[in-house]
Amino acid sequence: MGWYRQAPGKQRELVAEFTTRGSTNYADSVKGRFT
């Protein structure tokens, strides 16, 4: 499960997620800023 975002004129992209391995993953653009 996780969060995605879509800006005008752009494709939907992953922002942050819980992975099936039990860890978290963040887009490089939000690392250190989003939790």
PDB file of all heavy atoms in Angstrom:
ATOM      1  N   MET A   1       0.840  -1.172   0.000  1.00  0.00           N
ATOM      2  CA  MET A   1       0.000   0.000   0.000  1.00  0.00           C
ATOM      3  C   MET A   1       0.881   1.228   0.000  1.00  0.00           C
ATOM      4  O   MET A   1       2.030   1.179   0.453  1.00  0.00           O
ATOM      5  CB  MET A   1      -0.944   0.006   1.203  1.00  0.00           C
ATOM      6  CG  MET A   1      -0.276  -0.192   2.542  1.00  0.00           C
ATOM      7  SD  MET A   1      -1.468  -0.541   3.846  1.00  0.00           S
ATOM      8  CE  MET A   1      -2.438   0.923   3.824  1.00  0.00           C
ATOM      9  N   GLY A   2       0.330   2.314  -0.509  1.00  0.00           N
ATOM     10  CA  GLY A   2       1.157   3.505  -0.567  1.00  0.00           C
ATOM     11  C   GLY A   2       0.439   4.705  -1.140  1.00  0.00           C
ATOM     12  O   GLY A   2      -0.780   4.698  -1.288  1.00  0.00           O
ATOM     13  N   TRP A   3       1.213   5.721  -1.443  1.00  0.00           N
ATOM     14  CA  TRP A   3       0.714   6.981  -1.972  1.00  0.00           C
ATOM     15  C   TRP A   3       1.329   7.239  -3.354  1.00  0.00           C
ATOM     16  O   TRP A   3       2.531   7.042  -3.554  1.00  0.00           O
ATOM     17  CB  TRP A   3       1.087   8.134  -1.045  1.00  0.00           C
ATOM     18  CG  TRP A   3       0.370   8.125   0.260  1.00  0.00           C
ATOM     19  CD1 TRP A   3       0.793   7.575   1.437  1.00  0.00           C
ATOM     20  CD2 TRP A   3      -0.906   8.710   0.524  1.00  0.00           C
ATOM     21  NE1 TRP A   3      -0.142   7.771   2.413  1.00  0.00           N
ATOM     22  CE2 TRP A   3      -1.202   8.476   1.875  1.00  0.00           C
ATOM     23  CE3 TRP A   3      -1.833   9.419  -0.254  1.00  0.00           C
ATOM     24  CZ2 TRP A   3      -2.381   8.914   2.476  1.00  0.00           C
ATOM     25  CZ3 TRP A   3      -3.004   9.860   0.343  1.00  0.00           C
ATOM     26  CH2 TRP A   3      -3.267   9.597   1.691  1.00  0.00           C
ATOM     27  N   TYR A   4       0.493   7.718  -4.261  1.00  0.00           N
ATOM     28  CA  TYR A   4       0.919   8.140  -5.588  1.00  0.00           C
ATOM     29  C   TYR A   4       0.447   9.573  -5.797  1.00  0.00           C
ATOM     30  O   TYR A   4      -0.401  10.065  -5.055  1.00  0.00           O
ATOM     31  CB  TYR A   4       0.308   7.236  -6.669  1.00  0.00           C
ATOM     32  CG  TYR A   4       0.899   5.861  -6.750  1.00  0.00           C
ATOM     33  CD1 TYR A   4       0.645   4.923  -5.754  1.00  0.00           C
ATOM     34  CD2 TYR A   4       1.700   5.484  -7.815  1.00  0.00           C
ATOM     35  CE1 TYR A   4       1.184   3.640  -5.822  1.00  0.00           C
ATOM     36  CE2 TYR A   4       2.237   4.211  -7.905  1.00  0.00           C
ATOM     37  CZ  TYR A   4       1.970   3.298  -6.906  1.00  0.00           C
ATOM     38  OH  TYR A   4       2.515   2.034  -6.980  1.00  0.00           O
ATOM     39  N   ARG A   5       0.987  10.213  -6.809  1.00  0.00           N
ATOM     40  CA  ARG A   5       0.521  11.551  -7.155  1.00  0.00           C
ATOM     41  C   ARG A   5       0.557  11.748  -8.661  1.00  0.00           C
ATOM     42  O   ARG A   5       1.322  11.097  -9.362  1.00  0.00           O
ATOM     43  CB  ARG A   5       1.348  12.632  -6.457  1.00  0.00           C
ATOM     44  CG  ARG A   5       2.792  12.744  -6.938  1.00  0.00           C
ATOM     45  CD  ARG A   5       3.560  13.762  -6.090  1.00  0.00           C
ATOM     46  NE  ARG A   5       4.944  13.910  -6.531  1.00  0.00           N
ATOM     47  CZ  ARG A   5       5.855  14.630  -5.870  1.00  0.00           C
ATOM     48  NH1 ARG A   5       5.519  15.263  -4.745  1.00  0.00           N
ATOM     49  NH2 ARG A   5       7.082  14.705  -6.343  1.00  0.00           N
ATOM     50  N   GLN A   6      -0.276  12.659  -9.109  1.00  0.00           N
ATOM     51  CA  GLN A   6      -0.326  12.982 -10.534  1.00  0.00           C
ATOM     52  C   GLN A   6      -0.453  14.482 -10.704  1.00  0.00           C
ATOM     53  O   GLN A   6      -1.448  15.075 -10.267  1.00  0.00           O
ATOM     54  CB  GLN A   6      -1.479  12.265 -11.231  1.00  0.00           C
ATOM     55  CG  GLN A   6      -1.482  12.426 -12.732  1.00  0.00           C
ATOM     56  CD  GLN A   6      -2.418  11.456 -13.411  1.00  0.00           C
ATOM     57  OE1 GLN A   6      -3.315  10.891 -12.791  1.00  0.00           O
ATOM     58  NE2 GLN A   6      -2.206  11.237 -14.708  1.00  0.00           N
ATOM     59  N   ALA A   7       0.551  15.072 -11.306  1.00  0.00           N
ATOM     60  CA  ALA A   7       0.546  16.495 -11.600  1.00  0.00           C
ATOM     61  C   ALA A   7      -0.066  16.713 -12.983  1.00  0.00           C
ATOM     62  O   ALA A   7      -0.081  15.798 -13.815  1.00  0.00           O
ATOM     63  CB  ALA A   7       1.965  17.043 -11.559  1.00  0.00           C
ATOM     64  N   PRO A   8      -0.573  17.900 -13.257  1.00  0.00           N
ATOM     65  CA  PRO A   8      -1.177  18.177 -14.565  1.00  0.00           C
ATOM     66  C   PRO A   8      -0.218  17.883 -15.707  1.00  0.00           C
ATOM     67  O   PRO A   8       0.936  18.318 -15.681  1.00  0.00           O
ATOM     68  CB  PRO A   8      -1.507  19.670 -14.480  1.00  0.00           C
ATOM     69  CG  PRO A   8      -1.669  19.941 -13.033  1.00  0.00           C
ATOM     70  CD  PRO A   8      -0.687  19.044 -12.346  1.00  0.00           C
ATOM     71  N   GLY A   9      -0.686  17.114 -16.677  1.00  0.00           N
ATOM     72  CA  GLY A   9       0.124  16.793 -17.839  1.00  0.00           C
ATOM     73  C   GLY A   9       1.182  15.743 -17.616  1.00  0.00           C
ATOM     74  O   GLY A   9       1.995  15.488 -18.507  1.00  0.00           O
ATOM     75  N   LYS A  10       1.190  15.146 -16.431  1.00  0.00           N
ATOM     76  CA  LYS A  10       2.211  14.137 -16.126  1.00  0.00           C
ATOM     77  C   LYS A  10       1.557  12.817 -15.761  1.00  0.00           C
ATOM     78  O   LYS A  10       0.381  12.757 -15.415  1.00  0.00           O
ATOM     79  CB  LYS A  10       3.106  14.615 -14.983  1.00  0.00           C
ATOM     80  CG  LYS A  10       3.949  15.836 -15.329  1.00  0.00           C
ATOM     81  CD  LYS A  10       4.937  16.146 -14.221  1.00  0.00           C
ATOM     82  CE  LYS A  10       5.831  17.317 -14.592  1.00  0.00           C
ATOM     83  NZ  LYS A  10       6.829  17.617 -13.514  1.00  0.00           N
ATOM     84  N   GLN A  11       2.351  11.759 -15.812  1.00  0.00           N
ATOM     85  CA  GLN A  11       1.856  10.452 -15.423  1.00  0.00           C
ATOM     86  C   GLN A  11       1.815  10.328 -13.903  1.00  0.00           C
ATOM     87  O   GLN A  11       2.538  11.019 -13.181  1.00  0.00           O
ATOM     88  CB  GLN A  11       2.759   9.360 -16.008  1.00  0.00           C
ATOM     89  CG  GLN A  11       2.676   9.227 -17.518  1.00  0.00           C
ATOM     90  CD  GLN A  11       3.454   8.034 -18.036  1.00  0.00           C
ATOM     91  OE1 GLN A  11       4.442   7.603 -17.432  1.00  0.00           O
ATOM     92  NE2 GLN A  11       3.018   7.477 -19.145  1.00  0.00           N
ATOM     93  N   ARG A  12       0.957   9.433 -13.450  1.00  0.00           N
ATOM     94  CA  ARG A  12       0.895   9.152 -12.022  1.00  0.00           C
ATOM     95  C   ARG A  12       2.212   8.508 -11.598  1.00  0.00           C
ATOM     96  O   ARG A  12       2.731   7.616 -12.284  1.00  0.00           O
ATOM     97  CB  ARG A  12      -0.274   8.227 -11.713  1.00  0.00           C
ATOM     98  CG  ARG A  12      -0.595   8.077 -10.253  1.00  0.00           C
ATOM     99  CD  ARG A  12      -1.884   7.304 -10.044  1.00  0.00           C
ATOM    100  NE  ARG A  12      -3.038   8.001 -10.605  1.00  0.00           N
ATOM    101  CZ  ARG A  12      -4.303   7.623 -10.400  1.00  0.00           C
ATOM    102  NH1 ARG A  12      -4.553   6.550  -9.655  1.00  0.00           N
ATOM    103  NH2 ARG A  12      -5.288   8.281 -10.951  1.00  0.00           N
ATOM    104  N   GLU A  13       2.728   8.950 -10.451  1.00  0.00           N
ATOM    105  CA  GLU A  13       4.009   8.431  -9.989  1.00  0.00           C
ATOM    106  C   GLU A  13       3.929   8.018  -8.524  1.00  0.00           C
ATOM    107  O   GLU A  13       3.158   8.575  -7.741  1.00  0.00           O
ATOM    108  CB  GLU A  13       5.119   9.482 -10.153  1.00  0.00           C
ATOM    109  CG  GLU A  13       4.911  10.741  -9.339  1.00  0.00           C
ATOM    110  CD  GLU A  13       6.064  11.717  -9.450  1.00  0.00           C
ATOM    111  OE1 GLU A  13       7.025  11.452 -10.199  1.00  0.00           O
ATOM    112  OE2 GLU A  13       6.010  12.767  -8.767  1.00  0.00           O
ATOM    113  N   LEU A  14       4.776   7.066  -8.180  1.00  0.00           N
ATOM    114  CA  LEU A  14       4.861   6.621  -6.803  1.00  0.00           C
ATOM    115  C   LEU A  14       5.502   7.707  -5.952  1.00  0.00           C
ATOM    116  O   LEU A  14       6.522   8.283  -6.320  1.00  0.00           O
ATOM    117  CB  LEU A  14       5.683   5.341  -6.718  1.00  0.00           C
ATOM    118  CG  LEU A  14       5.969   4.828  -5.314  1.00  0.00           C
ATOM    119  CD1 LEU A  14       4.699   4.317  -4.659  1.00  0.00           C
ATOM    120  CD2 LEU A  14       7.039   3.752  -5.342  1.00  0.00           C
ATOM    121  N   VAL A  15       4.911   7.938  -4.788  1.00  0.00           N
ATOM    122  CA  VAL A  15       5.496   8.871  -3.832  1.00  0.00           C
ATOM    123  C   VAL A  15       6.151   8.099  -2.693  1.00  0.00           C
ATOM    124  O   VAL A  15       7.321   8.314  -2.369  1.00  0.00           O
ATOM    125  CB  VAL A  15       4.424   9.821  -3.264  1.00  0.00           C
ATOM    126  CG1 VAL A  15       5.023  10.735  -2.204  1.00  0.00           C
ATOM    127  CG2 VAL A  15       3.777  10.635  -4.380  1.00  0.00           C
ATOM    128  N   ALA A  16       5.397   7.216  -2.071  1.00  0.00           N
ATOM    129  CA  ALA A  16       5.905   6.433  -0.947  1.00  0.00           C
ATOM    130  C   ALA A  16       5.049   5.185  -0.809  1.00  0.00           C
ATOM    131  O   ALA A  16       3.856   5.211  -1.131  1.00  0.00           O
ATOM    132  CB  ALA A  16       5.867   7.248   0.336  1.00  0.00           C
ATOM    133  N   GLU A  17       5.658   4.129  -0.293  1.00  0.00           N
ATOM    134  CA  GLU A  17       4.913   2.884  -0.178  1.00  0.00           C
ATOM    135  C   GLU A  17       5.476   1.997   0.921  1.00  0.00           C
ATOM    136  O   GLU A  17       6.645   2.121   1.310  1.00  0.00           O
ATOM    137  CB  GLU A  17       4.959   2.112  -1.500  1.00  0.00           C
ATOM    138  CG  GLU A  17       6.347   1.653  -1.891  1.00  0.00           C
ATOM    139  CD  GLU A  17       6.367   0.805  -3.149  1.00  0.00           C
ATOM    140  OE1 GLU A  17       5.296   0.367  -3.625  1.00  0.00           O
ATOM    141  OE2 GLU A  17       7.493   0.569  -3.657  1.00  0.00           O
ATOM    142  N   PHE A  18       4.602   1.130   1.409  1.00  0.00           N
ATOM    143  CA  PHE A  18       5.018  -0.001   2.228  1.00  0.00           C
ATOM    144  C   PHE A  18       5.172  -1.165   1.259  1.00  0.00           C
ATOM    145  O   PHE A  18       4.257  -1.458   0.493  1.00  0.00           O
ATOM    146  CB  PHE A  18       3.957  -0.336   3.273  1.00  0.00           C
ATOM    147  CG  PHE A  18       3.800   0.698   4.332  1.00  0.00           C
ATOM    148  CD1 PHE A  18       2.764   1.611   4.292  1.00  0.00           C
ATOM    149  CD2 PHE A  18       4.688   0.769   5.396  1.00  0.00           C
ATOM    150  CE1 PHE A  18       2.603   2.574   5.258  1.00  0.00           C
ATOM    151  CE2 PHE A  18       4.544   1.733   6.375  1.00  0.00           C
ATOM    152  CZ  PHE A  18       3.503   2.644   6.305  1.00  0.00           C
ATOM    153  N   THR A  19       6.296  -1.807   1.291  1.00  0.00           N
ATOM    154  CA  THR A  19       6.528  -2.904   0.356  1.00  0.00           C
ATOM    155  C   THR A  19       6.091  -4.230   0.973  1.00  0.00           C
ATOM    156  O   THR A  19       5.889  -4.332   2.183  1.00  0.00           O
ATOM    157  CB  THR A  19       8.008  -2.993  -0.027  1.00  0.00           C
ATOM    158  OG1 THR A  19       8.753  -3.464   1.116  1.00  0.00           O
ATOM    159  CG2 THR A  19       8.555  -1.639  -0.448  1.00  0.00           C
ATOM    160  N   THR A  20       5.962  -5.220   0.123  1.00  0.00           N
ATOM    161  CA  THR A  20       5.574  -6.547   0.593  1.00  0.00           C
ATOM    162  C   THR A  20       6.645  -7.160   1.477  1.00  0.00           C
ATOM    163  O   THR A  20       6.392  -8.132   2.172  1.00  0.00           O
ATOM    164  CB  THR A  20       5.288  -7.474  -0.595  1.00  0.00           C
ATOM    165  OG1 THR A  20       6.426  -7.488  -1.458  1.00  0.00           O
ATOM    166  CG2 THR A  20       4.074  -6.983  -1.374  1.00  0.00           C
ATOM    167  N   ARG A  21       7.842  -6.600   1.452  1.00  0.00           N
ATOM    168  CA  ARG A  21       8.918  -7.091   2.315  1.00  0.00           C
ATOM    169  C   ARG A  21       8.904  -6.423   3.674  1.00  0.00           C
ATOM    170  O   ARG A  21       9.783  -6.651   4.496  1.00  0.00           O
ATOM    171  CB  ARG A  21      10.270  -6.864   1.638  1.00  0.00           C
ATOM    172  CG  ARG A  21      10.419  -7.637   0.333  1.00  0.00           C
ATOM    173  CD  ARG A  21      11.776  -7.397  -0.295  1.00  0.00           C
ATOM    174  NE  ARG A  21      11.962  -8.152  -1.535  1.00  0.00           N
ATOM    175  CZ  ARG A  21      13.063  -8.113  -2.262  1.00  0.00           C
ATOM    176  NH1 ARG A  21      14.089  -7.380  -1.897  1.00  0.00           N
ATOM    177  NH2 ARG A  21      13.134  -8.829  -3.365  1.00  0.00           N
ATOM    178  N   GLY A  22       7.908  -5.533   3.884  1.00  0.00           N
ATOM    179  CA  GLY A  22       7.785  -4.909   5.190  1.00  0.00           C
ATOM    180  C   GLY A  22       8.603  -3.658   5.375  1.00  0.00           C
ATOM    181  O   GLY A  22       8.735  -3.151   6.487  1.00  0.00           O
ATOM    182  N   SER A  23       9.168  -3.160   4.285  1.00  0.00           N
ATOM    183  CA  SER A  23       9.957  -1.935   4.376  1.00  0.00           C
ATOM    184  C   SER A  23       9.196  -0.793   3.705  1.00  0.00           C
ATOM    185  O   SER A  23       8.078  -0.962   3.224  1.00  0.00           O
ATOM    186  CB  SER A  23      11.307  -2.131   3.691  1.00  0.00           C
ATOM    187  OG  SER A  23      11.121  -2.431   2.319  1.00  0.00           O
ATOM    188  N   THR A  24       9.809   0.376   3.709  1.00  0.00           N
ATOM    189  CA  THR A  24       9.220   1.532   3.036  1.00  0.00           C
ATOM    190  C   THR A  24      10.108   1.953   1.876  1.00  0.00           C
ATOM    191  O   THR A  24      11.322   1.710   1.879  1.00  0.00           O
ATOM    192  CB  THR A  24       9.034   2.712   3.998  1.00  0.00           C
ATOM    193  OG1 THR A  24      10.303   3.014   4.603  1.00  0.00           O
ATOM    194  CG2 THR A  24       8.024   2.390   5.084  1.00  0.00           C
ATOM    195  N   ASN A  25       9.484   2.582   0.918  1.00  0.00           N
ATOM    196  CA  ASN A  25      10.200   3.028  -0.264  1.00  0.00           C
ATOM    197  C   ASN A  25       9.688   4.415  -0.630  1.00  0.00           C
ATOM    198  O   ASN A  25       8.481   4.671  -0.568  1.00  0.00           O
ATOM    199  CB  ASN A  25       9.938   2.048  -1.414  1.00  0.00           C
ATOM    200  CG  ASN A  25      10.672   2.422  -2.681  1.00  0.00           C
ATOM    201  OD1 ASN A  25      11.835   2.800  -2.643  1.00  0.00           O
ATOM    202  ND2 ASN A  25       9.984   2.330  -3.810  1.00  0.00           N
ATOM    203  N   TYR A  26      10.599   5.306  -0.988  1.00  0.00           N
ATOM    204  CA  TYR A  26      10.228   6.681  -1.312  1.00  0.00           C
ATOM    205  C   TYR A  26      10.796   7.082  -2.667  1.00  0.00           C
ATOM    206  O   TYR A  26      11.883   6.656  -3.058  1.00  0.00           O
ATOM    207  CB  TYR A  26      10.777   7.649  -0.263  1.00  0.00           C
ATOM    208  CG  TYR A  26      10.170   7.510   1.106  1.00  0.00           C
ATOM    209  CD1 TYR A  26      10.732   6.653   2.047  1.00  0.00           C
ATOM    210  CD2 TYR A  26       9.037   8.234   1.468  1.00  0.00           C
ATOM    211  CE1 TYR A  26      10.174   6.509   3.307  1.00  0.00           C
ATOM    212  CE2 TYR A  26       8.479   8.109   2.726  1.00  0.00           C
ATOM    213  CZ  TYR A  26       9.051   7.247   3.642  1.00  0.00           C
ATOM    214  OH  TYR A  26       8.491   7.112   4.885  1.00  0.00           O
ATOM    215  N   ALA A  27      10.062   7.932  -3.338  1.00  0.00           N
ATOM    216  CA  ALA A  27      10.603   8.549  -4.543  1.00  0.00           C
ATOM    217  C   ALA A  27      11.774   9.442  -4.144  1.00  0.00           C
ATOM    218  O   ALA A  27      11.760  10.059  -3.069  1.00  0.00           O
ATOM    219  CB  ALA A  27       9.521   9.378  -5.243  1.00  0.00           C
ATOM    220  N   ASP A  28      12.769   9.510  -4.997  1.00  0.00           N
ATOM    221  CA  ASP A  28      13.942  10.326  -4.680  1.00  0.00           C
ATOM    222  C   ASP A  28      13.570  11.779  -4.408  1.00  0.00           C
ATOM    223  O   ASP A  28      14.179  12.444  -3.562  1.00  0.00           O
ATOM    224  CB  ASP A  28      14.958  10.267  -5.834  1.00  0.00           C
ATOM    225  CG  ASP A  28      15.652   8.929  -5.940  1.00  0.00           C
ATOM    226  OD1 ASP A  28      15.635   8.164  -4.950  1.00  0.00           O
ATOM    227  OD2 ASP A  28      16.212   8.633  -7.015  1.00  0.00           O
ATOM    228  N   SER A  29      12.560  12.261  -5.097  1.00  0.00           N
ATOM    229  CA  SER A  29      12.175  13.664  -4.974  1.00  0.00           C
ATOM    230  C   SER A  29      11.577  14.018  -3.618  1.00  0.00           C
ATOM    231  O   SER A  29      11.489  15.200  -3.274  1.00  0.00           O
ATOM    232  CB  SER A  29      11.186  14.034  -6.081  1.00  0.00           C
ATOM    233  OG  SER A  29      10.021  13.225  -5.993  1.00  0.00           O
ATOM    234  N   VAL A  30      11.172  13.012  -2.841  1.00  0.00           N
ATOM    235  CA  VAL A  30      10.543  13.300  -1.549  1.00  0.00           C
ATOM    236  C   VAL A  30      11.318  12.727  -0.373  1.00  0.00           C
ATOM    237  O   VAL A  30      10.946  12.955   0.781  1.00  0.00           O
ATOM    238  CB  VAL A  30       9.084  12.786  -1.505  1.00  0.00           C
ATOM    239  CG1 VAL A  30       8.285  13.329  -2.682  1.00  0.00           C
ATOM    240  CG2 VAL A  30       9.025  11.273  -1.437  1.00  0.00           C
ATOM    241  N   LYS A  31      12.397  12.018  -0.631  1.00  0.00           N
ATOM    242  CA  LYS A  31      13.177  11.425   0.455  1.00  0.00           C
ATOM    243  C   LYS A  31      13.662  12.506   1.413  1.00  0.00           C
ATOM    244  O   LYS A  31      14.154  13.545   0.998  1.00  0.00           O
ATOM    245  CB  LYS A  31      14.373  10.661  -0.110  1.00  0.00           C
ATOM    246  CG  LYS A  31      14.030   9.298  -0.658  1.00  0.00           C
ATOM    247  CD  LYS A  31      15.277   8.575  -1.176  1.00  0.00           C
ATOM    248  CE  LYS A  31      14.915   7.209  -1.744  1.00  0.00           C
ATOM    249  NZ  LYS A  31      16.097   6.534  -2.324  1.00  0.00           N
ATOM    250  N   GLY A  32      13.486  12.224   2.687  1.00  0.00           N
ATOM    251  CA  GLY A  32      13.911  13.173   3.706  1.00  0.00           C
ATOM    252  C   GLY A  32      12.878  14.244   4.014  1.00  0.00           C
ATOM    253  O   GLY A  32      13.030  14.992   4.977  1.00  0.00           O
ATOM    254  N   ARG A  33      11.834  14.326   3.190  1.00  0.00           N
ATOM    255  CA  ARG A  33      10.799  15.344   3.411  1.00  0.00           C
ATOM    256  C   ARG A  33       9.435  14.716   3.728  1.00  0.00           C
ATOM    257  O   ARG A  33       8.654  15.297   4.483  1.00  0.00           O
ATOM    258  CB  ARG A  33      10.650  16.236   2.182  1.00  0.00           C
ATOM    259  CG  ARG A  33      11.907  16.990   1.796  1.00  0.00           C
ATOM    260  CD  ARG A  33      11.619  18.016   0.688  1.00  0.00           C
ATOM    261  NE  ARG A  33      11.148  17.389  -0.540  1.00  0.00           N
ATOM    262  CZ  ARG A  33       9.982  17.668  -1.117  1.00  0.00           C
ATOM    263  NH1 ARG A  33       9.158  18.550  -0.569  1.00  0.00           N
ATOM    264  NH2 ARG A  33       9.634  17.063  -2.255  1.00  0.00           N
ATOM    265  N   PHE A  34       9.147  13.574   3.149  1.00  0.00           N
ATOM    266  CA  PHE A  34       7.857  12.916   3.345  1.00  0.00           C
ATOM    267  C   PHE A  34       8.057  11.638   4.168  1.00  0.00           C
ATOM    268  O   PHE A  34       9.089  10.967   4.066  1.00  0.00           O
ATOM    269  CB  PHE A  34       7.250  12.519   1.998  1.00  0.00           C
ATOM    270  CG  PHE A  34       6.759  13.664   1.149  1.00  0.00           C
ATOM    271  CD1 PHE A  34       7.080  14.986   1.438  1.00  0.00           C
ATOM    272  CD2 PHE A  34       5.949  13.413   0.053  1.00  0.00           C
ATOM    273  CE1 PHE A  34       6.626  16.036   0.657  1.00  0.00           C
ATOM    274  CE2 PHE A  34       5.485  14.442  -0.746  1.00  0.00           C
ATOM    275  CZ  PHE A  34       5.831  15.748  -0.446  1.00  0.00           C
ATOM    276  N   THR A  35       7.042  11.314   4.959  1.00  0.00           N
ATOM    277  CA  THR A  35       7.071  10.096   5.757  1.00  0.00           C
ATOM    278  C   THR A  35       5.737   9.386   5.653  1.00  0.00           C
ATOM    279  O   THR A  35       4.689   9.989   5.905  1.00  0.00           O
ATOM    280  CB  THR A  35       7.364  10.399   7.228  1.00  0.00           C
ATOM    281  OG1 THR A  35       8.618  11.093   7.338  1.00  0.00           O
ATOM    282  CG2 THR A  35       7.444   9.111   8.041  1.00  0.00           C
TER     283      THR A  35
END
